[in-house]
Structure formats: C-alpha cells, structure tokens
Amino acid sequence: MNTHPPPTDRRRFLHQGARLAVSASAVISLGAARAAPGPLPDTTASRALNLAHSHTGERIELVYAQGQRYLPDALQALNHFLRDHTTGEVGRIDPQLFDMLHRVQQTLGSGTAYEVISGYRCSQTNERLRNQGGGGVAKRSLHMDGQAVDVRLRGVALSDLHTAARSLAFGGVGYYQRDQFVHLDTGRPRHW
C-alpha cells in the first residue's frame, strides 16, 4: 500500500506551503516597517513646523525638509530654538523628531502651533530636574541626546495628541496629564 500522496498533490502542497511562507514573511516585514520610522510616503512634499516655546516666548515657523532632503539652515534654526532654555546650550536634534511632530500634526489635521515645554537638555539641567522630582525625568533622558521633546498642541486635547502619536508607532510617547504635556521621542516604540 502506497502512503505517499500522488505527485500532483505533493506539488500542490509544497506550492501552497511556499506561498504561505512568503505571505508570512511579508506580514513580518510589514509589521517591522510599521514599528520603525521610515521615509514619508510623498517624497516630493515639503515638511514644515510651527512651534512656540513656553519658556523663552520665541516662535518659529519654517519648512525643514523637501522630500527626503533635510534643509541644513532650517535644522540649525530648529536646533537653536530647541536649545536648553536654562543654560542656552544648543544640542543637535534628531531630524526624525521633526518628522514625528509633522506626522502627528497631519494625523490630527491640525495647523496650529506646538507649544514646546522642553527640547534639548544638557546633563546639568536634566540632573536638576530629576532632583526636583517632577515630570518623570529619566537619569539618561533622550532629551540629552536631542531625541525627545515635550509638547502641547494648541486647540487639541492632550489625550487626542497622545492617542495620535501612539497610533503612529514611531517612537516613545508619554502622557503627563498633571503637567499638561505629551513626551515624544525617537527611541524604540513604547508608550506610557
């Protein structure tokens, strides 16, 4: 008695198995692509930000990228704008953080200015804030690496801002209701 399936059934089985394996790898790749920041879908569009700083009173509105190209002068202006407001020290801000802010604003359909509470922090400022005991300041904060910003978006409920940022699975998103800001960073995707 022959226990092996006929050759055509075996070929069909192997072919279906191969298709399932390809489909599974596509799903895994798609999941990984959603978890990591990637290029913006429209590579020709310009990207702009409108920011107001709650501590310095400064405002900035500019185009910081055209397609896949970041504009060096705009990045320099944003680095200065997001400087440590207590010491004046300017850090280098991760341009993907600007993309995160831009994407969140697009998701919400808002054209209003972000209110910046904190951008870059030097180690001394970070340590001082940790010792004050407010706002969940991490010992090795991504603010010190230019990878984090704390913001509100005028005219948008804090909970809506938090939900929109989380939906992008772009990086870290923290909700600080008592202090009235949302933390965004370009670290690994996570939320609190």
N, C-alpha and C. Protein backbone atom coordinates (compact mmCIF):
# COMPACT_ATOMS: atom_id res chain seq x y z
N MET A 1 0.84 -1.18 0.00
CA MET A 1 0.00 0.00 0.00
C MET A 1 0.90 1.25 0.00
N ASN A 2 0.64 2.20 -0.91
CA ASN A 2 1.43 3.42 -1.05
C ASN A 2 0.87 4.49 -0.11
N THR A 3 1.71 4.99 0.84
CA THR A 3 1.24 6.00 1.79
C THR A 3 1.61 7.42 1.36
N HIS A 4 2.39 7.56 0.28
CA HIS A 4 2.76 8.89 -0.20
C HIS A 4 1.66 9.46 -1.07
N PRO A 5 1.37 10.76 -0.97
CA PRO A 5 0.35 11.36 -1.82
C PRO A 5 0.81 11.32 -3.28
N PRO A 6 -0.13 11.33 -4.19
CA PRO A 6 0.23 11.38 -5.61
C PRO A 6 1.08 12.62 -5.87
N PRO A 7 1.99 12.59 -6.89
CA PRO A 7 2.90 13.70 -7.16
C PRO A 7 2.20 15.05 -7.33
N THR A 8 1.05 15.08 -7.96
CA THR A 8 0.38 16.38 -8.15
C THR A 8 -0.09 16.96 -6.84
N ASP A 9 -0.58 16.10 -5.92
CA ASP A 9 -1.00 16.60 -4.61
C ASP A 9 0.20 17.11 -3.81
N ARG A 10 1.30 16.41 -3.92
CA ARG A 10 2.52 16.82 -3.21
C ARG A 10 3.01 18.18 -3.73
N ARG A 11 3.01 18.33 -5.07
CA ARG A 11 3.43 19.61 -5.64
C ARG A 11 2.51 20.75 -5.19
N ARG A 12 1.22 20.47 -5.20
CA ARG A 12 0.25 21.48 -4.77
C ARG A 12 0.50 21.85 -3.30
N PHE A 13 0.75 20.85 -2.47
CA PHE A 13 1.02 21.08 -1.05
C PHE A 13 2.28 21.94 -0.88
N LEU A 14 3.37 21.59 -1.59
CA LEU A 14 4.62 22.36 -1.48
C LEU A 14 4.43 23.78 -2.01
N HIS A 15 3.69 23.91 -3.10
CA HIS A 15 3.44 25.24 -3.66
C HIS A 15 2.65 26.11 -2.68
N GLN A 16 1.61 25.53 -2.07
CA GLN A 16 0.81 26.28 -1.09
C GLN A 16 1.66 26.63 0.14
N GLY A 17 2.52 25.70 0.56
CA GLY A 17 3.40 25.97 1.70
C GLY A 17 4.35 27.11 1.40
N ALA A 18 4.89 27.14 0.19
CA ALA A 18 5.79 28.22 -0.20
C ALA A 18 5.05 29.56 -0.22
N ARG A 19 3.81 29.56 -0.74
CA ARG A 19 3.03 30.80 -0.74
C ARG A 19 2.75 31.29 0.68
N LEU A 20 2.44 30.37 1.59
CA LEU A 20 2.21 30.75 2.99
C LEU A 20 3.47 31.33 3.61
N ALA A 21 4.62 30.74 3.32
CA ALA A 21 5.88 31.24 3.88
C ALA A 21 6.16 32.65 3.37
N VAL A 22 5.93 32.89 2.07
CA VAL A 22 6.13 34.23 1.52
C VAL A 22 5.15 35.21 2.15
N SER A 23 3.89 34.81 2.30
CA SER A 23 2.90 35.68 2.92
C SER A 23 3.28 36.01 4.35
N ALA A 24 3.74 35.01 5.10
CA ALA A 24 4.13 35.24 6.49
C ALA A 24 5.30 36.20 6.57
N SER A 25 6.30 36.05 5.67
CA SER A 25 7.43 36.96 5.73
C SER A 25 7.01 38.37 5.34
N ALA A 26 6.05 38.51 4.44
CA ALA A 26 5.55 39.83 4.07
C ALA A 26 4.85 40.49 5.25
N VAL A 27 4.08 39.71 6.01
CA VAL A 27 3.40 40.25 7.19
C VAL A 27 4.42 40.67 8.23
N ILE A 28 5.46 39.85 8.43
CA ILE A 28 6.51 40.21 9.40
C ILE A 28 7.21 41.48 8.95
N SER A 29 7.55 41.58 7.65
CA SER A 29 8.21 42.78 7.15
C SER A 29 7.33 44.00 7.30
N LEU A 30 6.03 43.85 6.99
CA LEU A 30 5.10 44.95 7.12
C LEU A 30 5.01 45.40 8.57
N GLY A 31 4.96 44.46 9.50
CA GLY A 31 4.91 44.80 10.92
C GLY A 31 6.15 45.54 11.35
N ALA A 32 7.32 45.11 10.88
CA ALA A 32 8.57 45.78 11.24
C ALA A 32 8.59 47.18 10.65
N ALA A 33 8.07 47.33 9.44
CA ALA A 33 8.07 48.66 8.81
C ALA A 33 7.17 49.61 9.58
N ARG A 34 6.09 49.12 10.15
CA ARG A 34 5.20 49.99 10.91
C ARG A 34 5.83 50.41 12.23
N ALA A 35 6.66 49.54 12.80
CA ALA A 35 7.23 49.82 14.10
C ALA A 35 8.39 50.79 14.02
N ALA A 36 9.05 50.87 12.88
CA ALA A 36 10.22 51.74 12.76
C ALA A 36 9.88 52.93 11.87
N PRO A 37 10.44 54.09 12.18
CA PRO A 37 10.18 55.23 11.32
C PRO A 37 10.79 55.01 9.95
N GLY A 38 10.04 55.30 8.93
CA GLY A 38 10.54 55.14 7.58
C GLY A 38 10.35 56.42 6.81
N PRO A 39 10.68 56.38 5.54
CA PRO A 39 10.52 57.59 4.74
C PRO A 39 9.05 57.97 4.61
N LEU A 40 8.82 59.23 4.44
CA LEU A 40 7.46 59.70 4.25
C LEU A 40 6.96 59.22 2.89
N PRO A 41 5.67 58.91 2.78
CA PRO A 41 5.13 58.39 1.53
C PRO A 41 5.33 59.34 0.35
N ASP A 42 5.13 60.62 0.53
CA ASP A 42 5.28 61.58 -0.56
C ASP A 42 6.68 62.17 -0.50
N THR A 43 7.53 61.73 -1.40
CA THR A 43 8.93 62.15 -1.34
C THR A 43 9.17 63.50 -2.01
N THR A 44 8.13 64.12 -2.52
CA THR A 44 8.31 65.43 -3.15
C THR A 44 7.79 66.56 -2.27
N ALA A 45 6.98 66.25 -1.30
CA ALA A 45 6.34 67.28 -0.48
C ALA A 45 7.33 67.92 0.49
N SER A 46 7.09 69.18 0.76
CA SER A 46 7.88 69.85 1.79
C SER A 46 7.21 69.60 3.14
N ARG A 47 8.02 69.62 4.19
CA ARG A 47 7.51 69.42 5.55
C ARG A 47 7.89 70.65 6.37
N ALA A 48 6.90 71.13 7.13
CA ALA A 48 7.08 72.37 7.89
C ALA A 48 6.66 72.16 9.34
N LEU A 49 7.16 73.03 10.20
CA LEU A 49 6.76 73.03 11.61
C LEU A 49 6.45 74.46 12.04
N ASN A 50 5.55 74.56 13.00
CA ASN A 50 5.18 75.83 13.62
C ASN A 50 5.27 75.59 15.13
N LEU A 51 6.23 76.23 15.78
CA LEU A 51 6.49 76.00 17.20
C LEU A 51 6.50 77.31 17.98
N ALA A 52 6.03 77.24 19.21
CA ALA A 52 6.10 78.35 20.15
C ALA A 52 6.71 77.80 21.44
N HIS A 53 7.70 78.46 21.99
CA HIS A 53 8.38 77.96 23.20
C HIS A 53 7.77 78.59 24.44
N SER A 54 7.30 77.74 25.35
CA SER A 54 6.62 78.24 26.55
C SER A 54 7.55 78.97 27.51
N HIS A 55 8.85 78.68 27.48
CA HIS A 55 9.78 79.31 28.43
C HIS A 55 10.47 80.55 27.88
N THR A 56 10.77 80.56 26.58
CA THR A 56 11.51 81.70 26.01
C THR A 56 10.59 82.71 25.34
N GLY A 57 9.35 82.28 25.02
CA GLY A 57 8.42 83.16 24.32
C GLY A 57 8.72 83.24 22.82
N GLU A 58 9.72 82.53 22.35
CA GLU A 58 10.07 82.57 20.93
C GLU A 58 9.10 81.73 20.11
N ARG A 59 9.00 82.10 18.83
CA ARG A 59 8.20 81.35 17.87
C ARG A 59 9.05 81.08 16.64
N ILE A 60 8.77 79.96 15.99
CA ILE A 60 9.45 79.65 14.73
C ILE A 60 8.48 78.89 13.85
N GLU A 61 8.45 79.27 12.59
CA GLU A 61 7.64 78.58 11.60
C GLU A 61 8.50 78.48 10.34
N LEU A 62 8.77 77.24 9.90
CA LEU A 62 9.65 77.07 8.75
C LEU A 62 9.46 75.72 8.09
N VAL A 63 9.91 75.64 6.85
CA VAL A 63 10.00 74.37 6.13
C VAL A 63 11.36 73.79 6.48
N TYR A 64 11.38 72.57 6.99
CA TYR A 64 12.64 71.96 7.42
C TYR A 64 13.12 70.85 6.49
N ALA A 65 12.25 70.40 5.57
CA ALA A 65 12.63 69.33 4.64
C ALA A 65 11.87 69.46 3.34
N GLN A 66 12.54 69.04 2.29
CA GLN A 66 11.90 68.97 0.97
C GLN A 66 12.11 67.54 0.48
N GLY A 67 11.01 66.78 0.42
CA GLY A 67 11.14 65.37 0.06
C GLY A 67 11.98 64.64 1.10
N GLN A 68 12.96 63.90 0.64
CA GLN A 68 13.84 63.15 1.55
C GLN A 68 15.03 63.99 2.02
N ARG A 69 15.12 65.24 1.61
CA ARG A 69 16.27 66.08 1.94
C ARG A 69 15.92 67.06 3.05
N TYR A 70 16.68 66.97 4.14
CA TYR A 70 16.54 67.95 5.21
C TYR A 70 17.31 69.21 4.83
N LEU A 71 16.78 70.37 5.19
CA LEU A 71 17.39 71.64 4.85
C LEU A 71 18.32 72.08 5.99
N PRO A 72 19.63 72.11 5.75
CA PRO A 72 20.61 72.37 6.82
C PRO A 72 20.37 73.66 7.61
N ASP A 73 20.03 74.75 6.93
CA ASP A 73 19.80 76.01 7.65
C ASP A 73 18.59 75.91 8.56
N ALA A 74 17.55 75.21 8.10
CA ALA A 74 16.34 75.03 8.92
C ALA A 74 16.65 74.15 10.12
N LEU A 75 17.43 73.09 9.92
CA LEU A 75 17.80 72.22 11.06
C LEU A 75 18.60 73.00 12.09
N GLN A 76 19.49 73.85 11.62
CA GLN A 76 20.29 74.68 12.53
C GLN A 76 19.39 75.63 13.33
N ALA A 77 18.40 76.22 12.65
CA ALA A 77 17.47 77.12 13.34
C ALA A 77 16.64 76.36 14.37
N LEU A 78 16.20 75.14 14.04
CA LEU A 78 15.43 74.33 14.98
C LEU A 78 16.30 73.88 16.15
N ASN A 79 17.55 73.53 15.90
CA ASN A 79 18.47 73.18 16.99
C ASN A 79 18.58 74.33 17.98
N HIS A 80 18.72 75.55 17.46
CA HIS A 80 18.83 76.72 18.33
C HIS A 80 17.51 76.96 19.08
N PHE A 81 16.41 76.84 18.39
CA PHE A 81 15.11 77.06 19.01
C PHE A 81 14.87 76.08 20.16
N LEU A 82 15.26 74.82 19.97
CA LEU A 82 15.02 73.78 20.97
C LEU A 82 16.18 73.62 21.95
N ARG A 83 17.04 74.63 22.04
CA ARG A 83 18.19 74.61 22.96
C ARG A 83 17.71 74.46 24.41
N ASP A 84 18.64 74.10 25.27
CA ASP A 84 18.36 74.05 26.71
C ASP A 84 18.06 75.48 27.15
N HIS A 85 16.82 75.75 27.50
CA HIS A 85 16.42 77.14 27.79
C HIS A 85 16.98 77.67 29.11
N THR A 86 17.52 76.79 29.95
CA THR A 86 18.09 77.30 31.21
C THR A 86 19.57 77.64 31.08
N THR A 87 20.29 76.95 30.20
CA THR A 87 21.73 77.21 30.05
C THR A 87 22.08 77.87 28.72
N GLY A 88 21.19 77.76 27.75
CA GLY A 88 21.48 78.28 26.42
C GLY A 88 22.28 77.31 25.55
N GLU A 89 22.64 76.15 26.10
CA GLU A 89 23.42 75.17 25.33
C GLU A 89 22.57 74.61 24.19
N VAL A 90 23.16 74.59 23.00
CA VAL A 90 22.47 74.10 21.81
C VAL A 90 22.92 72.66 21.55
N GLY A 91 21.96 71.79 21.38
CA GLY A 91 22.26 70.40 21.04
C GLY A 91 21.88 70.13 19.60
N ARG A 92 22.22 68.95 19.14
CA ARG A 92 21.84 68.54 17.77
C ARG A 92 20.59 67.67 17.89
N ILE A 93 19.49 68.16 17.35
CA ILE A 93 18.21 67.46 17.44
C ILE A 93 18.10 66.46 16.29
N ASP A 94 17.63 65.27 16.60
CA ASP A 94 17.42 64.22 15.60
C ASP A 94 16.34 64.70 14.63
N PRO A 95 16.64 64.81 13.34
CA PRO A 95 15.64 65.28 12.37
C PRO A 95 14.39 64.40 12.32
N GLN A 96 14.51 63.13 12.70
CA GLN A 96 13.33 62.27 12.72
C GLN A 96 12.32 62.72 13.78
N LEU A 97 12.79 63.44 14.79
CA LEU A 97 11.87 64.01 15.78
C LEU A 97 10.97 65.05 15.12
N PHE A 98 11.53 65.82 14.19
CA PHE A 98 10.73 66.80 13.46
C PHE A 98 9.69 66.08 12.59
N ASP A 99 10.11 64.97 11.98
CA ASP A 99 9.17 64.18 11.18
C ASP A 99 8.04 63.63 12.06
N MET A 100 8.39 63.22 13.27
CA MET A 100 7.37 62.71 14.19
C MET A 100 6.36 63.80 14.51
N LEU A 101 6.83 64.99 14.84
CA LEU A 101 5.94 66.12 15.12
C LEU A 101 5.06 66.41 13.90
N HIS A 102 5.67 66.41 12.74
CA HIS A 102 4.94 66.69 11.50
C HIS A 102 3.85 65.64 11.26
N ARG A 103 4.20 64.37 11.43
CA ARG A 103 3.23 63.29 11.19
C ARG A 103 2.07 63.32 12.18
N VAL A 104 2.37 63.62 13.42
CA VAL A 104 1.30 63.71 14.43
C VAL A 104 0.34 64.82 14.05
N GLN A 105 0.89 65.95 13.65
CA GLN A 105 0.04 67.08 13.27
C GLN A 105 -0.82 66.74 12.05
N GLN A 106 -0.25 66.03 11.08
CA GLN A 106 -1.02 65.60 9.91
C GLN A 106 -2.13 64.64 10.32
N THR A 107 -1.80 63.72 11.22
CA THR A 107 -2.78 62.75 11.69
C THR A 107 -3.98 63.45 12.33
N LEU A 108 -3.70 64.50 13.07
CA LEU A 108 -4.76 65.24 13.75
C LEU A 108 -5.44 66.26 12.86
N GLY A 109 -4.85 66.56 11.71
CA GLY A 109 -5.42 67.57 10.82
C GLY A 109 -5.35 68.96 11.42
N SER A 110 -4.31 69.21 12.21
CA SER A 110 -4.17 70.50 12.89
C SER A 110 -3.08 71.34 12.23
N GLY A 111 -3.35 72.60 12.09
CA GLY A 111 -2.35 73.52 11.56
C GLY A 111 -1.86 74.50 12.61
N THR A 112 -2.25 74.29 13.86
CA THR A 112 -1.85 75.23 14.91
C THR A 112 -0.44 74.92 15.40
N ALA A 113 0.10 75.85 16.16
CA ALA A 113 1.48 75.73 16.64
C ALA A 113 1.57 74.75 17.81
N TYR A 114 2.66 73.99 17.82
CA TYR A 114 3.01 73.21 19.00
C TYR A 114 3.53 74.17 20.05
N GLU A 115 3.19 73.93 21.30
CA GLU A 115 3.82 74.66 22.40
C GLU A 115 4.88 73.74 22.99
N VAL A 116 6.13 74.16 22.90
CA VAL A 116 7.25 73.36 23.37
C VAL A 116 7.50 73.67 24.85
N ILE A 117 7.54 72.61 25.65
CA ILE A 117 7.85 72.76 27.07
C ILE A 117 9.33 72.47 27.29
N SER A 118 9.84 71.44 26.61
CA SER A 118 11.25 71.07 26.76
C SER A 118 11.74 70.38 25.50
N GLY A 119 12.90 70.80 25.03
CA GLY A 119 13.56 70.17 23.89
C GLY A 119 14.86 69.54 24.37
N TYR A 120 15.96 70.04 23.85
CA TYR A 120 17.27 69.55 24.27
C TYR A 120 17.52 69.93 25.73
N ARG A 121 18.17 69.03 26.46
CA ARG A 121 18.60 69.32 27.84
C ARG A 121 20.05 68.89 28.01
N CYS A 122 20.86 69.77 28.58
CA CYS A 122 22.22 69.36 28.92
C CYS A 122 22.14 68.49 30.18
N SER A 123 23.22 67.80 30.50
CA SER A 123 23.20 66.86 31.63
C SER A 123 22.93 67.57 32.96
N GLN A 124 23.45 68.80 33.12
CA GLN A 124 23.23 69.53 34.38
C GLN A 124 21.74 69.87 34.57
N THR A 125 21.09 70.32 33.51
CA THR A 125 19.67 70.64 33.59
C THR A 125 18.86 69.39 33.87
N ASN A 126 19.21 68.31 33.20
CA ASN A 126 18.48 67.06 33.41
C ASN A 126 18.61 66.60 34.87
N GLU A 127 19.79 66.69 35.41
CA GLU A 127 20.02 66.27 36.81
C GLU A 127 19.25 67.18 37.78
N ARG A 128 19.25 68.48 37.51
CA ARG A 128 18.50 69.41 38.36
C ARG A 128 17.01 69.07 38.34
N LEU A 129 16.45 68.79 37.16
CA LEU A 129 15.03 68.44 37.05
C LEU A 129 14.73 67.12 37.76
N ARG A 130 15.65 66.17 37.66
CA ARG A 130 15.47 64.89 38.38
C ARG A 130 15.42 65.11 39.88
N ASN A 131 16.29 65.97 40.38
CA ASN A 131 16.33 66.25 41.82
C ASN A 131 15.10 66.99 42.31
N GLN A 132 14.44 67.75 41.42
CA GLN A 132 13.21 68.44 41.79
C GLN A 132 12.04 67.47 41.90
N GLY A 133 12.16 66.30 41.26
CA GLY A 133 11.17 65.24 41.42
C GLY A 133 9.87 65.40 40.68
N GLY A 134 9.83 66.12 39.58
CA GLY A 134 8.58 66.24 38.83
C GLY A 134 8.73 65.82 37.39
N GLY A 135 7.62 65.45 36.77
CA GLY A 135 7.59 65.21 35.33
C GLY A 135 8.28 63.96 34.83
N GLY A 136 8.62 63.00 35.68
CA GLY A 136 9.19 61.73 35.24
C GLY A 136 10.50 61.87 34.48
N VAL A 137 11.45 62.63 35.00
CA VAL A 137 12.72 62.86 34.31
C VAL A 137 13.64 61.64 34.49
N ALA A 138 14.02 61.03 33.38
CA ALA A 138 14.89 59.85 33.41
C ALA A 138 16.34 60.26 33.63
N LYS A 139 17.09 59.40 34.28
CA LYS A 139 18.51 59.67 34.53
C LYS A 139 19.27 59.82 33.22
N ARG A 140 18.98 58.97 32.26
CA ARG A 140 19.62 59.03 30.94
C ARG A 140 18.55 59.41 29.91
N SER A 141 18.02 60.60 30.05
CA SER A 141 16.92 61.08 29.23
C SER A 141 17.33 61.24 27.77
N LEU A 142 16.41 60.91 26.86
CA LEU A 142 16.66 61.11 25.44
C LEU A 142 16.68 62.60 25.08
N HIS A 143 16.21 63.46 25.98
CA HIS A 143 16.33 64.90 25.77
C HIS A 143 17.81 65.28 25.67
N MET A 144 18.66 64.59 26.41
CA MET A 144 20.09 64.88 26.42
C MET A 144 20.77 64.51 25.11
N ASP A 145 20.13 63.65 24.33
CA ASP A 145 20.67 63.23 23.03
C ASP A 145 19.97 63.93 21.87
N GLY A 146 19.09 64.89 22.18
CA GLY A 146 18.36 65.58 21.12
C GLY A 146 17.34 64.69 20.45
N GLN A 147 16.84 63.69 21.18
CA GLN A 147 15.89 62.75 20.61
C GLN A 147 14.51 62.85 21.25
N ALA A 148 14.24 63.90 22.01
CA ALA A 148 12.95 64.00 22.70
C ALA A 148 12.50 65.45 22.80
N VAL A 149 11.18 65.60 22.86
CA VAL A 149 10.57 66.90 23.03
C VAL A 149 9.27 66.71 23.82
N ASP A 150 8.97 67.68 24.67
CA ASP A 150 7.71 67.68 25.43
C ASP A 150 6.86 68.82 24.87
N VAL A 151 5.63 68.49 24.47
CA VAL A 151 4.80 69.47 23.76
C VAL A 151 3.33 69.39 24.15
N ARG A 152 2.63 70.45 23.78
CA ARG A 152 1.17 70.50 23.71
C ARG A 152 0.87 71.01 22.30
N LEU A 153 -0.33 70.77 21.83
CA LEU A 153 -0.72 71.28 20.51
C LEU A 153 -1.97 72.13 20.71
N ARG A 154 -1.84 73.39 20.44
CA ARG A 154 -2.93 74.33 20.68
C ARG A 154 -4.21 73.89 19.98
N GLY A 155 -5.30 73.91 20.76
CA GLY A 155 -6.60 73.56 20.23
C GLY A 155 -6.87 72.06 20.15
N VAL A 156 -5.93 71.24 20.64
CA VAL A 156 -6.08 69.78 20.60
C VAL A 156 -5.99 69.25 22.03
N ALA A 157 -6.96 68.44 22.40
CA ALA A 157 -6.94 67.83 23.74
C ALA A 157 -5.68 66.99 23.90
N LEU A 158 -5.08 67.07 25.08
CA LEU A 158 -3.86 66.32 25.37
C LEU A 158 -4.04 64.82 25.10
N SER A 159 -5.20 64.30 25.47
CA SER A 159 -5.45 62.87 25.24
C SER A 159 -5.50 62.55 23.75
N ASP A 160 -6.02 63.45 22.93
CA ASP A 160 -6.05 63.24 21.48
C ASP A 160 -4.64 63.29 20.89
N LEU A 161 -3.83 64.20 21.39
CA LEU A 161 -2.44 64.29 20.94
C LEU A 161 -1.70 62.99 21.27
N HIS A 162 -1.89 62.50 22.48
CA HIS A 162 -1.26 61.26 22.92
C HIS A 162 -1.72 60.08 22.05
N THR A 163 -3.02 59.98 21.81
CA THR A 163 -3.57 58.89 21.01
C THR A 163 -3.04 58.93 19.58
N ALA A 164 -2.99 60.11 18.98
CA ALA A 164 -2.49 60.25 17.60
C ALA A 164 -1.03 59.85 17.52
N ALA A 165 -0.22 60.29 18.48
CA ALA A 165 1.20 59.95 18.47
C ALA A 165 1.40 58.44 18.64
N ARG A 166 0.64 57.84 19.53
CA ARG A 166 0.74 56.39 19.75
C ARG A 166 0.36 55.62 18.50
N SER A 167 -0.63 56.09 17.78
CA SER A 167 -1.12 55.37 16.59
C SER A 167 -0.04 55.23 15.52
N LEU A 168 0.94 56.11 15.54
CA LEU A 168 2.00 56.07 14.51
C LEU A 168 3.07 55.03 14.81
N ALA A 169 3.16 54.56 16.06
CA ALA A 169 4.19 53.59 16.48
C ALA A 169 5.56 54.02 15.98
N PHE A 170 5.85 55.29 16.11
CA PHE A 170 7.07 55.90 15.57
C PHE A 170 8.22 55.86 16.58
N GLY A 171 7.91 56.06 17.85
CA GLY A 171 8.93 56.12 18.89
C GLY A 171 8.25 56.12 20.24
N GLY A 172 8.88 56.73 21.23
CA GLY A 172 8.29 56.79 22.56
C GLY A 172 7.27 57.89 22.68
N VAL A 173 6.17 57.59 23.40
CA VAL A 173 5.10 58.57 23.63
C VAL A 173 4.67 58.48 25.08
N GLY A 174 4.82 59.58 25.81
CA GLY A 174 4.41 59.62 27.21
C GLY A 174 3.33 60.65 27.44
N TYR A 175 2.42 60.33 28.35
CA TYR A 175 1.27 61.20 28.64
C TYR A 175 1.43 61.72 30.06
N TYR A 176 1.58 63.03 30.21
CA TYR A 176 1.75 63.66 31.51
C TYR A 176 0.59 64.63 31.73
N GLN A 177 -0.52 64.08 32.18
CA GLN A 177 -1.74 64.88 32.34
C GLN A 177 -1.56 65.97 33.40
N ARG A 178 -0.94 65.61 34.51
CA ARG A 178 -0.78 66.60 35.59
C ARG A 178 0.05 67.79 35.14
N ASP A 179 1.10 67.54 34.36
CA ASP A 179 1.98 68.61 33.89
C ASP A 179 1.55 69.18 32.54
N GLN A 180 0.48 68.59 31.96
CA GLN A 180 -0.12 69.07 30.72
C GLN A 180 0.84 69.09 29.53
N PHE A 181 1.48 67.93 29.27
CA PHE A 181 2.26 67.80 28.05
C PHE A 181 2.34 66.33 27.63
N VAL A 182 2.71 66.14 26.37
CA VAL A 182 2.98 64.81 25.83
C VAL A 182 4.46 64.78 25.45
N HIS A 183 5.11 63.71 25.87
CA HIS A 183 6.52 63.49 25.55
C HIS A 183 6.58 62.67 24.27
N LEU A 184 7.40 63.11 23.32
CA LEU A 184 7.64 62.37 22.07
C LEU A 184 9.15 62.15 21.94
N ASP A 185 9.54 60.94 21.54
CA ASP A 185 10.96 60.70 21.31
C ASP A 185 11.16 59.72 20.17
N THR A 186 12.39 59.68 19.66
CA THR A 186 12.73 58.80 18.54
C THR A 186 13.43 57.54 19.02
N GLY A 187 13.23 57.18 20.27
CA GLY A 187 13.73 55.90 20.77
C GLY A 187 12.86 54.77 20.27
N ARG A 188 12.98 53.62 20.90
CA ARG A 188 12.19 52.47 20.47
C ARG A 188 10.70 52.76 20.72
N PRO A 189 9.83 52.21 19.86
CA PRO A 189 8.39 52.43 20.06
C PRO A 189 7.91 51.87 21.40
N ARG A 190 7.29 52.73 22.21
CA ARG A 190 6.75 52.35 23.52
C ARG A 190 5.84 53.49 23.96
N HIS A 191 5.04 53.26 24.98
CA HIS A 191 4.18 54.33 25.46
C HIS A 191 3.91 54.14 26.95
N TRP A 192 3.57 55.25 27.58
CA TRP A 192 3.21 55.26 28.99
C TRP A 192 2.26 56.40 29.26
